[in-house]
Amino acid sequence: MLKKNGHTITHVVVGKSKRRTLPQFFLDNIQSPIEQLNSPNFVTDRKSKSVKLLPSVFLNVLKLPTFMRSVNRIDILVKESQPDVIVNFYDFLGGLYYLTKRPKSKHVAIAHQFFVDHPEFEFPKGRFFDRTSMRMGNKLAGFGASQLLALSFQKFANSSNLIVVPPLLRDKVLKQEISAGDHFLVYLVNHGYASQVEDFHQQNPEIPIHCFWDKQGQPPVHSIDSTLTFHQLDDDKFLELMASSRGYLTTAGFESVCEAMYMGKATLMVPVKGHYEQSCNAIDATKAGAGISSEIFELDKLLAYLPAYKSVQASFSEWCATSEKVFIQNLTDVN
């Protein structure tokens, strides 16, 4: 979007994680120099299902010297390229960089997480410690930002220094031919949830399921049988299978739920256990009409919900259509 409007992206910095590698489609399509640096990450349990918050905080504090080396490398890149604006998609390294180095370049921070500070946002009940931790994370990720852009499932009025913006959907999403097939699409952020998908499949082998994961050591396509197939991340295949799916099951992230809303696909969202941000996403997306949520990958629940599902495709598409104008304005007109 920026390049199309005459701007230059000098570098893309991406946080490393031992649990997953950068998908090839990202490497192929970003078309700018990429540098991967050590960045804070969550600690998961041994089965790769739940996020362990306190161990995550403890480990990341211990690794602060490592993260500071990453910050120093960012500082070198910034001094070399002298960018007008640094865009931070909710990486704590960005906030840490502005906290310690105080560069002259303007800082624009973009994330759905920032929407929790909007008066229209509804938090999960209780979990005060999680709520406080998330707000502290927002403060760090957005430290020094001239503008905070809050990605949202719906259009809302701006609030104080918070600018509400539409989702960033890839052109490939907008160009998909949508149909109603007989298969269900599943996306697993943490591959430990695959056992729940397999359990359902054993009870309902007649229902076709295509499941995407990023489990290391697995082939690009791993067929359990004729109706259950696991795929490594592939953006083209994923979008094609979503566009022709009967419904969508996913952990409660933001981007893929938006893609499902754009295509009018009913979605079952399963927040990763211990991942408070995803619990927030599930509530927000449900209110926006994306679908329903659950604590486990229970396809039965989505099947029962399908007759009652009312697509928000039309209104959501209108909201997304304003994306380029809104982003170019807010990324290039920074005070």
C-alpha atoms as a PDB file:
ATOM      1  CA  MET A   1       0.000   0.000   0.000  1.00  0.00           C
ATOM      2  CA  LEU A   2       2.819   2.385   0.901  1.00  0.00           C
ATOM      3  CA  LYS A   3       4.854   1.506  -2.176  1.00  0.00           C
ATOM      4  CA  LYS A   4       1.830   1.945  -4.432  1.00  0.00           C
ATOM      5  CA  ASN A   5       1.507   5.489  -3.073  1.00  0.00           C
ATOM      6  CA  GLY A   6       5.142   6.397  -3.780  1.00  0.00           C
ATOM      7  CA  HIS A   7       6.801   5.626  -0.452  1.00  0.00           C
ATOM      8  CA  THR A   8       9.892   3.551   0.296  1.00  0.00           C
ATOM      9  CA  ILE A   9      10.216   0.820   2.939  1.00  0.00           C
ATOM     10  CA  THR A  10      13.888   0.684   3.883  1.00  0.00           C
ATOM     11  CA  HIS A  11      13.824  -2.326   6.227  1.00  0.00           C
ATOM     12  CA  VAL A  12      11.437  -4.815   7.803  1.00  0.00           C
ATOM     13  CA  VAL A  13      12.393  -6.098  11.253  1.00  0.00           C
ATOM     14  CA  VAL A  14      10.648  -9.279  12.429  1.00  0.00           C
ATOM     15  CA  GLY A  15      10.846 -10.856  15.881  1.00  0.00           C
ATOM     16  CA  LYS A  16      12.286 -14.379  16.088  1.00  0.00           C
ATOM     17  CA  SER A  17      10.573 -17.357  17.689  1.00  0.00           C
ATOM     18  CA  LYS A  18      11.921 -20.890  18.198  1.00  0.00           C
ATOM     19  CA  ARG A  19       8.374 -22.235  17.865  1.00  0.00           C
ATOM     20  CA  ARG A  20       7.796 -21.077  14.301  1.00  0.00           C
ATOM     21  CA  THR A  21       9.565 -19.906  11.183  1.00  0.00           C
ATOM     22  CA  LEU A  22       8.627 -17.094   8.838  1.00  0.00           C
ATOM     23  CA  PRO A  23       6.263 -18.445   6.172  1.00  0.00           C
ATOM     24  CA  GLN A  24       7.616 -18.425   2.647  1.00  0.00           C
ATOM     25  CA  PHE A  25       4.774 -16.256   1.335  1.00  0.00           C
ATOM     26  CA  PHE A  26       5.905 -13.451   3.659  1.00  0.00           C
ATOM     27  CA  LEU A  27       9.514 -13.730   2.494  1.00  0.00           C
ATOM     28  CA  ASP A  28       8.387 -13.739  -1.134  1.00  0.00           C
ATOM     29  CA  ASN A  29       5.917 -10.861  -0.969  1.00  0.00           C
ATOM     30  CA  ILE A  30       7.276  -8.246   1.449  1.00  0.00           C
ATOM     31  CA  GLN A  31       9.841  -7.104  -1.188  1.00  0.00           C
ATOM     32  CA  SER A  32      12.001  -5.198   1.293  1.00  0.00           C
ATOM     33  CA  PRO A  33      15.169  -6.144   3.201  1.00  0.00           C
ATOM     34  CA  ILE A  34      14.195  -8.388   6.140  1.00  0.00           C
ATOM     35  CA  GLU A  35      16.101  -8.724   9.392  1.00  0.00           C
ATOM     36  CA  GLN A  36      15.031 -11.124  12.139  1.00  0.00           C
ATOM     37  CA  LEU A  37      15.928 -10.153  15.689  1.00  0.00           C
ATOM     38  CA  ASN A  38      15.382 -11.726  19.087  1.00  0.00           C
ATOM     39  CA  SER A  39      12.135 -10.359  20.499  1.00  0.00           C
ATOM     40  CA  PRO A  40       9.900 -11.127  23.523  1.00  0.00           C
ATOM     41  CA  ASN A  41       7.703 -14.214  23.106  1.00  0.00           C
ATOM     42  CA  PHE A  42       5.169 -16.195  25.097  1.00  0.00           C
ATOM     43  CA  VAL A  43       6.081 -19.409  26.884  1.00  0.00           C
ATOM     44  CA  THR A  44       3.671 -22.290  26.147  1.00  0.00           C
ATOM     45  CA  ASP A  45       3.039 -25.560  27.931  1.00  0.00           C
ATOM     46  CA  ARG A  46       4.632 -28.818  26.766  1.00  0.00           C
ATOM     47  CA  LYS A  47       1.663 -29.648  24.566  1.00  0.00           C
ATOM     48  CA  SER A  48       1.806 -26.239  22.796  1.00  0.00           C
ATOM     49  CA  LYS A  49      -1.762 -25.445  23.832  1.00  0.00           C
ATOM     50  CA  SER A  50      -1.763 -22.796  26.554  1.00  0.00           C
ATOM     51  CA  VAL A  51       0.222 -19.624  27.226  1.00  0.00           C
ATOM     52  CA  LYS A  52       1.951 -19.418  30.609  1.00  0.00           C
ATOM     53  CA  LEU A  53       1.901 -15.753  31.564  1.00  0.00           C
ATOM     54  CA  LEU A  54       4.161 -15.586  34.634  1.00  0.00           C
ATOM     55  CA  PRO A  55       6.897 -17.804  33.116  1.00  0.00           C
ATOM     56  CA  SER A  56       6.666 -15.641  29.988  1.00  0.00           C
ATOM     57  CA  VAL A  57       7.274 -12.472  32.007  1.00  0.00           C
ATOM     58  CA  PHE A  58      10.099 -14.086  34.013  1.00  0.00           C
ATOM     59  CA  LEU A  59      11.906 -15.486  30.970  1.00  0.00           C
ATOM     60  CA  ASN A  60      11.634 -12.261  28.989  1.00  0.00           C
ATOM     61  CA  VAL A  61      13.044 -10.258  31.902  1.00  0.00           C
ATOM     62  CA  LEU A  62      16.008 -12.645  32.055  1.00  0.00           C
ATOM     63  CA  LYS A  63      16.547 -12.187  28.321  1.00  0.00           C
ATOM     64  CA  LEU A  64      16.557  -8.376  28.517  1.00  0.00           C
ATOM     65  CA  PRO A  65      20.279  -8.158  27.617  1.00  0.00           C
ATOM     66  CA  THR A  66      19.524 -10.157  24.445  1.00  0.00           C
ATOM     67  CA  PHE A  67      16.655  -7.843  23.572  1.00  0.00           C
ATOM     68  CA  MET A  68      18.861  -4.807  24.117  1.00  0.00           C
ATOM     69  CA  ARG A  69      21.245  -6.169  21.489  1.00  0.00           C
ATOM     70  CA  SER A  70      18.249  -6.268  19.144  1.00  0.00           C
ATOM     71  CA  VAL A  71      17.439  -2.677  20.066  1.00  0.00           C
ATOM     72  CA  ASN A  72      21.019  -1.659  19.302  1.00  0.00           C
ATOM     73  CA  ARG A  73      20.756  -3.312  15.893  1.00  0.00           C
ATOM     74  CA  ILE A  74      17.510  -1.420  15.180  1.00  0.00           C
ATOM     75  CA  ASP A  75      19.328   1.780  16.139  1.00  0.00           C
ATOM     76  CA  ILE A  76      22.029   1.038  13.553  1.00  0.00           C
ATOM     77  CA  LEU A  77      19.417   0.396  10.847  1.00  0.00           C
ATOM     78  CA  VAL A  78      17.573   3.616  11.693  1.00  0.00           C
ATOM     79  CA  LYS A  79      20.752   5.716  11.636  1.00  0.00           C
ATOM     80  CA  GLU A  80      21.694   4.196   8.276  1.00  0.00           C
ATOM     81  CA  SER A  81      18.351   4.766   6.554  1.00  0.00           C
ATOM     82  CA  GLN A  82      17.052   7.864   8.400  1.00  0.00           C
ATOM     83  CA  PRO A  83      13.338   6.987   7.995  1.00  0.00           C
ATOM     84  CA  ASP A  84      10.647   9.624   8.385  1.00  0.00           C
ATOM     85  CA  VAL A  85       8.332   7.171  10.126  1.00  0.00           C
ATOM     86  CA  ILE A  86       8.827   3.883  11.964  1.00  0.00           C
ATOM     87  CA  VAL A  87       5.724   1.661  11.860  1.00  0.00           C
ATOM     88  CA  ASN A  88       5.457  -0.808  14.725  1.00  0.00           C
ATOM     89  CA  PHE A  89       3.027  -3.711  14.494  1.00  0.00           C
ATOM     90  CA  TYR A  90       2.916  -4.352  18.240  1.00  0.00           C
ATOM     91  CA  ASP A  91       6.437  -5.600  18.823  1.00  0.00           C
ATOM     92  CA  PHE A  92       7.748  -4.682  22.264  1.00  0.00           C
ATOM     93  CA  LEU A  93      11.179  -4.079  20.706  1.00  0.00           C
ATOM     94  CA  GLY A  94       9.701  -0.988  19.038  1.00  0.00           C
ATOM     95  CA  GLY A  95       8.614   0.523  22.328  1.00  0.00           C
ATOM     96  CA  LEU A  96      11.848  -0.515  24.018  1.00  0.00           C
ATOM     97  CA  TYR A  97      13.782   1.153  21.216  1.00  0.00           C
ATOM     98  CA  TYR A  98      11.945   4.452  21.673  1.00  0.00           C
ATOM     99  CA  LEU A  99      12.234   4.188  25.458  1.00  0.00           C
ATOM    100  CA  THR A 100      16.021   3.781  25.396  1.00  0.00           C
ATOM    101  CA  LYS A 101      17.219   5.501  22.203  1.00  0.00           C
ATOM    102  CA  ARG A 102      14.719   8.371  21.700  1.00  0.00           C
ATOM    103  CA  PRO A 103      15.129   8.583  17.886  1.00  0.00           C
ATOM    104  CA  LYS A 104      13.932  11.559  15.862  1.00  0.00           C
ATOM    105  CA  SER A 105      11.850   9.426  13.464  1.00  0.00           C
ATOM    106  CA  LYS A 106       8.108   9.532  14.083  1.00  0.00           C
ATOM    107  CA  HIS A 107       6.597   6.397  15.635  1.00  0.00           C
ATOM    108  CA  VAL A 108       3.227   5.006  14.499  1.00  0.00           C
ATOM    109  CA  ALA A 109       2.053   1.922  16.396  1.00  0.00           C
ATOM    110  CA  ILE A 110      -0.624  -0.309  14.873  1.00  0.00           C
ATOM    111  CA  ALA A 111      -2.502  -3.143  16.616  1.00  0.00           C
ATOM    112  CA  HIS A 112      -5.930  -4.466  17.454  1.00  0.00           C
ATOM    113  CA  GLN A 113      -4.742  -4.622  21.078  1.00  0.00           C
ATOM    114  CA  PHE A 114      -4.877  -0.827  21.332  1.00  0.00           C
ATOM    115  CA  PHE A 115      -8.658  -0.980  20.900  1.00  0.00           C
ATOM    116  CA  VAL A 116      -8.986  -2.151  24.531  1.00  0.00           C
ATOM    117  CA  ASP A 117      -8.562   1.504  25.539  1.00  0.00           C
ATOM    118  CA  HIS A 118     -11.621   2.544  23.516  1.00  0.00           C
ATOM    119  CA  PRO A 119     -14.813   3.214  25.540  1.00  0.00           C
ATOM    120  CA  GLU A 120     -16.788   0.799  23.321  1.00  0.00           C
ATOM    121  CA  PHE A 121     -14.542  -2.148  24.172  1.00  0.00           C
ATOM    122  CA  GLU A 122     -15.864  -4.944  26.417  1.00  0.00           C
ATOM    123  CA  PHE A 123     -13.369  -6.884  28.561  1.00  0.00           C
ATOM    124  CA  PRO A 124     -13.744 -10.507  29.665  1.00  0.00           C
ATOM    125  CA  LYS A 125     -15.139 -10.664  33.174  1.00  0.00           C
ATOM    126  CA  GLY A 126     -12.632 -10.752  36.032  1.00  0.00           C
ATOM    127  CA  ARG A 127      -8.958 -11.480  35.275  1.00  0.00           C
ATOM    128  CA  PHE A 128      -7.767  -8.149  36.671  1.00  0.00           C
ATOM    129  CA  PHE A 129      -4.106  -9.180  36.536  1.00  0.00           C
ATOM    130  CA  ASP A 130      -4.402 -10.132  32.858  1.00  0.00           C
ATOM    131  CA  ARG A 131      -6.170  -6.883  32.040  1.00  0.00           C
ATOM    132  CA  THR A 132      -3.512  -4.853  33.820  1.00  0.00           C
ATOM    133  CA  SER A 133      -0.719  -6.806  32.103  1.00  0.00           C
ATOM    134  CA  MET A 134      -2.232  -6.209  28.687  1.00  0.00           C
ATOM    135  CA  ARG A 135      -2.544  -2.490  29.286  1.00  0.00           C
ATOM    136  CA  MET A 136       1.074  -2.400  30.440  1.00  0.00           C
ATOM    137  CA  GLY A 137       2.037  -4.240  27.254  1.00  0.00           C
ATOM    138  CA  ASN A 138       0.140  -1.627  25.246  1.00  0.00           C
ATOM    139  CA  LYS A 139       2.077   1.127  27.009  1.00  0.00           C
ATOM    140  CA  LEU A 140       5.395  -0.495  26.120  1.00  0.00           C
ATOM    141  CA  ALA A 141       4.530  -1.376  22.500  1.00  0.00           C
ATOM    142  CA  GLY A 142       3.168   2.128  21.923  1.00  0.00           C
ATOM    143  CA  PHE A 143       5.811   4.058  23.869  1.00  0.00           C
ATOM    144  CA  GLY A 144       6.791   7.248  22.091  1.00  0.00           C
ATOM    145  CA  ALA A 145       4.136   6.833  19.414  1.00  0.00           C
ATOM    146  CA  SER A 146       2.859   9.984  17.749  1.00  0.00           C
ATOM    147  CA  GLN A 147      -0.223   8.004  16.738  1.00  0.00           C
ATOM    148  CA  LEU A 148      -1.843   4.820  17.969  1.00  0.00           C
ATOM    149  CA  LEU A 149      -3.882   3.117  15.235  1.00  0.00           C
ATOM    150  CA  ALA A 150      -6.367   0.616  16.672  1.00  0.00           C
ATOM    151  CA  LEU A 151      -7.398  -2.036  14.150  1.00  0.00           C
ATOM    152  CA  SER A 152     -11.082  -2.795  14.604  1.00  0.00           C
ATOM    153  CA  PHE A 153     -13.681  -5.287  13.361  1.00  0.00           C
ATOM    154  CA  GLN A 154     -16.182  -2.393  13.224  1.00  0.00           C
ATOM    155  CA  LYS A 155     -16.179   1.329  12.595  1.00  0.00           C
ATOM    156  CA  PHE A 156     -16.153   3.452  15.748  1.00  0.00           C
ATOM    157  CA  ALA A 157     -15.438   7.097  16.506  1.00  0.00           C
ATOM    158  CA  ASN A 158     -11.854   7.939  17.467  1.00  0.00           C
ATOM    159  CA  SER A 159     -11.128   8.292  21.170  1.00  0.00           C
ATOM    160  CA  SER A 160      -8.588  10.745  22.675  1.00  0.00           C
ATOM    161  CA  ASN A 161      -5.261   9.829  20.994  1.00  0.00           C
ATOM    162  CA  LEU A 162      -6.647   6.551  19.619  1.00  0.00           C
ATOM    163  CA  ILE A 163      -7.459   6.389  15.904  1.00  0.00           C
ATOM    164  CA  VAL A 164      -9.812   3.537  14.943  1.00  0.00           C
ATOM    165  CA  VAL A 165      -8.817   2.007  11.595  1.00  0.00           C
ATOM    166  CA  PRO A 166     -10.116  -0.848   9.411  1.00  0.00           C
ATOM    167  CA  PRO A 167      -8.315  -4.190   9.056  1.00  0.00           C
ATOM    168  CA  LEU A 168      -5.429  -4.541   6.617  1.00  0.00           C
ATOM    169  CA  LEU A 169      -6.547  -7.214   4.164  1.00  0.00           C
ATOM    170  CA  ARG A 170      -4.289  -8.547   1.446  1.00  0.00           C
ATOM    171  CA  ASP A 171      -5.283  -7.962  -2.175  1.00  0.00           C
ATOM    172  CA  LYS A 172      -5.548 -11.741  -2.589  1.00  0.00           C
ATOM    173  CA  VAL A 173      -8.374 -11.761  -0.036  1.00  0.00           C
ATOM    174  CA  LEU A 174     -10.322  -9.148  -1.968  1.00  0.00           C
ATOM    175  CA  LYS A 175      -9.985 -11.079  -5.245  1.00  0.00           C
ATOM    176  CA  GLN A 176     -11.135 -14.509  -4.050  1.00  0.00           C
ATOM    177  CA  GLU A 177     -14.130 -16.122  -5.744  1.00  0.00           C
ATOM    178  CA  ILE A 178     -16.423 -17.114  -2.889  1.00  0.00           C
ATOM    179  CA  SER A 179     -18.468 -20.309  -2.954  1.00  0.00           C
ATOM    180  CA  ALA A 180     -20.106 -22.699  -0.480  1.00  0.00           C
ATOM    181  CA  GLY A 181     -18.270 -26.010  -0.383  1.00  0.00           C
ATOM    182  CA  ASP A 182     -18.690 -28.953   1.974  1.00  0.00           C
ATOM    183  CA  HIS A 183     -15.390 -28.744   3.875  1.00  0.00           C
ATOM    184  CA  PHE A 184     -14.473 -26.867   7.044  1.00  0.00           C
ATOM    185  CA  LEU A 185     -11.257 -24.874   7.374  1.00  0.00           C
ATOM    186  CA  VAL A 186      -9.214 -24.914  10.590  1.00  0.00           C
ATOM    187  CA  TYR A 187      -6.238 -22.716  11.510  1.00  0.00           C
ATOM    188  CA  LEU A 188      -4.129 -23.631  14.546  1.00  0.00           C
ATOM    189  CA  VAL A 189      -1.723 -21.043  15.951  1.00  0.00           C
ATOM    190  CA  ASN A 190      -0.484 -23.660  18.430  1.00  0.00           C
ATOM    191  CA  HIS A 191      -0.248 -27.134  16.897  1.00  0.00           C
ATOM    192  CA  GLY A 192      -1.093 -28.771  20.238  1.00  0.00           C
ATOM    193  CA  TYR A 193      -4.768 -28.228  19.427  1.00  0.00           C
ATOM    194  CA  ALA A 194      -4.522 -30.697  16.536  1.00  0.00           C
ATOM    195  CA  SER A 195      -5.582 -33.517  18.872  1.00  0.00           C
ATOM    196  CA  GLN A 196      -8.997 -31.864  19.352  1.00  0.00           C
ATOM    197  CA  VAL A 197      -9.478 -31.700  15.593  1.00  0.00           C
ATOM    198  CA  GLU A 198      -8.494 -35.352  15.260  1.00  0.00           C
ATOM    199  CA  ASP A 199     -10.879 -36.358  18.057  1.00  0.00           C
ATOM    200  CA  PHE A 200     -13.800 -34.748  16.226  1.00  0.00           C
ATOM    201  CA  HIS A 201     -12.699 -36.337  12.973  1.00  0.00           C
ATOM    202  CA  GLN A 202     -12.732 -39.809  14.495  1.00  0.00           C
ATOM    203  CA  GLN A 203     -16.346 -39.297  15.520  1.00  0.00           C
ATOM    204  CA  ASN A 204     -17.355 -37.612  12.233  1.00  0.00           C
ATOM    205  CA  PRO A 205     -15.140 -39.044   9.467  1.00  0.00           C
ATOM    206  CA  GLU A 206     -17.634 -38.065   6.766  1.00  0.00           C
ATOM    207  CA  ILE A 207     -17.018 -34.306   7.246  1.00  0.00           C
ATOM    208  CA  PRO A 208     -14.068 -32.987   5.164  1.00  0.00           C
ATOM    209  CA  ILE A 209     -11.599 -30.854   7.153  1.00  0.00           C
ATOM    210  CA  HIS A 210      -8.555 -28.929   5.964  1.00  0.00           C
ATOM    211  CA  CYS A 211      -6.314 -27.785   8.815  1.00  0.00           C
ATOM    212  CA  PHE A 212      -3.373 -25.362   8.658  1.00  0.00           C
ATOM    213  CA  TRP A 213      -0.599 -25.435  11.250  1.00  0.00           C
ATOM    214  CA  ASP A 214       3.093 -24.595  11.554  1.00  0.00           C
ATOM    215  CA  LYS A 215       4.328 -27.766  13.223  1.00  0.00           C
ATOM    216  CA  GLN A 216       8.015 -28.119  12.477  1.00  0.00           C
ATOM    217  CA  GLY A 217       9.258 -31.339  10.903  1.00  0.00           C
ATOM    218  CA  GLN A 218       5.983 -32.024   9.092  1.00  0.00           C
ATOM    219  CA  PRO A 219       5.627 -32.174   5.283  1.00  0.00           C
ATOM    220  CA  PRO A 220       3.793 -29.435   3.337  1.00  0.00           C
ATOM    221  CA  VAL A 221       0.724 -31.712   3.168  1.00  0.00           C
ATOM    222  CA  HIS A 222       0.014 -34.407   5.777  1.00  0.00           C
ATOM    223  CA  SER A 223      -3.105 -36.428   4.947  1.00  0.00           C
ATOM    224  CA  ILE A 224      -4.563 -38.439   7.815  1.00  0.00           C
ATOM    225  CA  ASP A 225      -7.113 -39.910   5.416  1.00  0.00           C
ATOM    226  CA  SER A 226      -9.390 -38.775   2.593  1.00  0.00           C
ATOM    227  CA  THR A 227     -11.289 -36.240   4.746  1.00  0.00           C
ATOM    228  CA  LEU A 228      -8.661 -34.818   7.149  1.00  0.00           C
ATOM    229  CA  THR A 229      -5.594 -33.040   5.831  1.00  0.00           C
ATOM    230  CA  PHE A 230      -3.002 -30.928   7.655  1.00  0.00           C
ATOM    231  CA  HIS A 231      -1.199 -28.241   5.637  1.00  0.00           C
ATOM    232  CA  GLN A 232       1.842 -26.129   6.405  1.00  0.00           C
ATOM    233  CA  LEU A 233       1.147 -22.400   6.054  1.00  0.00           C
ATOM    234  CA  ASP A 234       0.483 -21.447   2.441  1.00  0.00           C
ATOM    235  CA  ASP A 235      -1.351 -18.190   1.862  1.00  0.00           C
ATOM    236  CA  ASP A 236      -2.757 -19.016  -1.573  1.00  0.00           C
ATOM    237  CA  LYS A 237      -4.050 -22.436  -0.577  1.00  0.00           C
ATOM    238  CA  PHE A 238      -5.385 -21.112   2.715  1.00  0.00           C
ATOM    239  CA  LEU A 239      -7.427 -18.349   1.070  1.00  0.00           C
ATOM    240  CA  GLU A 240      -8.732 -20.658  -1.636  1.00  0.00           C
ATOM    241  CA  LEU A 241      -9.913 -23.170   0.947  1.00  0.00           C
ATOM    242  CA  MET A 242     -11.459 -20.431   3.086  1.00  0.00           C
ATOM    243  CA  ALA A 243     -13.304 -18.937   0.105  1.00  0.00           C
ATOM    244  CA  SER A 244     -14.860 -22.321  -0.693  1.00  0.00           C
ATOM    245  CA  SER A 245     -15.407 -23.485   2.895  1.00  0.00           C
ATOM    246  CA  ARG A 246     -18.575 -24.216   4.801  1.00  0.00           C
ATOM    247  CA  GLY A 247     -17.238 -22.575   7.945  1.00  0.00           C
ATOM    248  CA  TYR A 248     -14.030 -21.641   9.757  1.00  0.00           C
ATOM    249  CA  LEU A 249     -12.499 -22.705  13.094  1.00  0.00           C
ATOM    250  CA  THR A 250      -9.521 -20.838  14.515  1.00  0.00           C
ATOM    251  CA  THR A 251      -7.761 -19.643  17.597  1.00  0.00           C
ATOM    252  CA  ALA A 252      -9.007 -16.124  18.288  1.00  0.00           C
ATOM    253  CA  GLY A 253      -6.475 -14.046  16.393  1.00  0.00           C
ATOM    254  CA  PHE A 254      -7.439 -10.956  14.415  1.00  0.00           C
ATOM    255  CA  GLU A 255      -6.381 -11.166  10.763  1.00  0.00           C
ATOM    256  CA  SER A 256      -7.844 -14.493   9.687  1.00  0.00           C
ATOM    257  CA  VAL A 257     -11.143 -13.764  11.469  1.00  0.00           C
ATOM    258  CA  CYS A 258     -11.326 -10.558   9.426  1.00  0.00           C
ATOM    259  CA  GLU A 259     -10.712 -12.567   6.253  1.00  0.00           C
ATOM    260  CA  ALA A 260     -13.557 -14.903   7.175  1.00  0.00           C
ATOM    261  CA  MET A 261     -15.876 -11.950   7.839  1.00  0.00           C
ATOM    262  CA  TYR A 262     -14.973 -10.470   4.454  1.00  0.00           C
ATOM    263  CA  MET A 263     -15.899 -13.752   2.780  1.00  0.00           C
ATOM    264  CA  GLY A 264     -19.077 -14.215   4.808  1.00  0.00           C
ATOM    265  CA  LYS A 265     -17.909 -17.399   6.555  1.00  0.00           C
ATOM    266  CA  ALA A 266     -19.274 -18.302   9.993  1.00  0.00           C
ATOM    267  CA  THR A 267     -16.397 -18.624  12.458  1.00  0.00           C
ATOM    268  CA  LEU A 268     -15.832 -20.529  15.690  1.00  0.00           C
ATOM    269  CA  MET A 269     -13.086 -18.855  17.740  1.00  0.00           C
ATOM    270  CA  VAL A 270     -11.133 -20.735  20.408  1.00  0.00           C
ATOM    271  CA  PRO A 271      -8.921 -18.402  22.489  1.00  0.00           C
ATOM    272  CA  VAL A 272      -5.571 -19.965  23.345  1.00  0.00           C
ATOM    273  CA  LYS A 273      -5.682 -20.826  27.040  1.00  0.00           C
ATOM    274  CA  GLY A 274      -3.896 -18.171  29.080  1.00  0.00           C
ATOM    275  CA  HIS A 275      -3.759 -15.801  26.090  1.00  0.00           C
ATOM    276  CA  TYR A 276      -5.811 -12.880  27.399  1.00  0.00           C
ATOM    277  CA  GLU A 277      -5.563 -10.932  24.152  1.00  0.00           C
ATOM    278  CA  GLN A 278      -7.353 -13.745  22.337  1.00  0.00           C
ATOM    279  CA  SER A 279     -10.108 -13.830  24.957  1.00  0.00           C
ATOM    280  CA  CYS A 280     -10.620 -10.132  24.258  1.00  0.00           C
ATOM    281  CA  ASN A 281     -10.611 -10.746  20.490  1.00  0.00           C
ATOM    282  CA  ALA A 282     -13.267 -13.439  20.790  1.00  0.00           C
ATOM    283  CA  ILE A 283     -15.668 -11.098  22.600  1.00  0.00           C
ATOM    284  CA  ASP A 284     -14.976  -8.219  20.205  1.00  0.00           C
ATOM    285  CA  ALA A 285     -15.385 -10.361  17.075  1.00  0.00           C
ATOM    286  CA  THR A 286     -18.563 -11.990  18.374  1.00  0.00           C
ATOM    287  CA  LYS A 287     -20.101  -8.550  18.973  1.00  0.00           C
ATOM    288  CA  ALA A 288     -19.127  -7.601  15.419  1.00  0.00           C
ATOM    289  CA  GLY A 289     -20.998 -10.604  13.992  1.00  0.00           C
ATOM    290  CA  ALA A 290     -18.049 -12.844  13.057  1.00  0.00           C
ATOM    291  CA  GLY A 291     -19.483 -15.916  14.756  1.00  0.00           C
ATOM    292  CA  ILE A 292     -19.225 -17.612  18.154  1.00  0.00           C
ATOM    293  CA  SER A 293     -16.537 -18.684  20.608  1.00  0.00           C
ATOM    294  CA  SER A 294     -15.708 -21.818  22.541  1.00  0.00           C
ATOM    295  CA  GLU A 295     -13.058 -23.146  24.916  1.00  0.00           C
ATOM    296  CA  ILE A 296     -12.263 -26.106  22.634  1.00  0.00           C
ATOM    297  CA  PHE A 297     -12.291 -26.912  18.925  1.00  0.00           C
ATOM    298  CA  GLU A 298     -15.800 -28.357  18.890  1.00  0.00           C
ATOM    299  CA  LEU A 299     -16.994 -28.440  15.316  1.00  0.00           C
ATOM    300  CA  ASP A 300     -20.384 -29.664  16.558  1.00  0.00           C
ATOM    301  CA  LYS A 301     -20.983 -26.205  18.007  1.00  0.00           C
ATOM    302  CA  LEU A 302     -20.234 -24.509  14.692  1.00  0.00           C
ATOM    303  CA  LEU A 303     -22.461 -26.972  12.840  1.00  0.00           C
ATOM    304  CA  ALA A 304     -25.351 -26.167  15.197  1.00  0.00           C
ATOM    305  CA  TYR A 305     -24.736 -22.423  14.788  1.00  0.00           C
ATOM    306  CA  LEU A 306     -24.683 -22.340  10.976  1.00  0.00           C
ATOM    307  CA  PRO A 307     -28.499 -22.037  10.477  1.00  0.00           C
ATOM    308  CA  ALA A 308     -28.563 -18.966  12.752  1.00  0.00           C
ATOM    309  CA  TYR A 309     -25.505 -17.249  11.269  1.00  0.00           C
ATOM    310  CA  LYS A 310     -26.171 -13.855   9.682  1.00  0.00           C
ATOM    311  CA  SER A 311     -23.370 -12.666   7.453  1.00  0.00           C
ATOM    312  CA  VAL A 312     -21.970  -9.155   8.002  1.00  0.00           C
ATOM    313  CA  GLN A 313     -20.090  -9.359   4.715  1.00  0.00           C
ATOM    314  CA  ALA A 314     -21.669  -6.251   3.182  1.00  0.00           C
ATOM    315  CA  SER A 315     -21.048  -3.823   6.065  1.00  0.00           C
ATOM    316  CA  PHE A 316     -17.623  -5.294   6.799  1.00  0.00           C
ATOM    317  CA  SER A 317     -16.565  -4.936   3.151  1.00  0.00           C
ATOM    318  CA  GLU A 318     -17.600  -1.264   3.193  1.00  0.00           C
ATOM    319  CA  TRP A 319     -15.465  -0.712   6.309  1.00  0.00           C
ATOM    320  CA  CYS A 320     -12.470  -2.454   4.725  1.00  0.00           C
ATOM    321  CA  ALA A 321     -12.861  -0.459   1.498  1.00  0.00           C
ATOM    322  CA  THR A 322     -11.743   2.689   3.368  1.00  0.00           C
ATOM    323  CA  SER A 323      -8.484   1.032   4.429  1.00  0.00           C
ATOM    324  CA  GLU A 324      -6.010   2.482   1.942  1.00  0.00           C
ATOM    325  CA  LYS A 325      -7.257   6.052   2.296  1.00  0.00           C
ATOM    326  CA  VAL A 326      -7.259   5.862   6.101  1.00  0.00           C
ATOM    327  CA  PHE A 327      -3.811   4.297   6.413  1.00  0.00           C
ATOM    328  CA  ILE A 328      -2.026   6.452   3.873  1.00  0.00           C
ATOM    329  CA  GLN A 329      -3.442   9.554   5.541  1.00  0.00           C
ATOM    330  CA  ASN A 330      -2.428   8.494   9.034  1.00  0.00           C
ATOM    331  CA  LEU A 331       1.001   7.118   8.109  1.00  0.00           C
ATOM    332  CA  THR A 332       2.068  10.100   6.021  1.00  0.00           C
ATOM    333  CA  ASP A 333       0.491  12.950   7.983  1.00  0.00           C
ATOM    334  CA  VAL A 334       2.157  12.330  11.353  1.00  0.00           C
ATOM    335  CA  ASN A 335       2.586  15.253  13.710  1.00  0.00           C
END
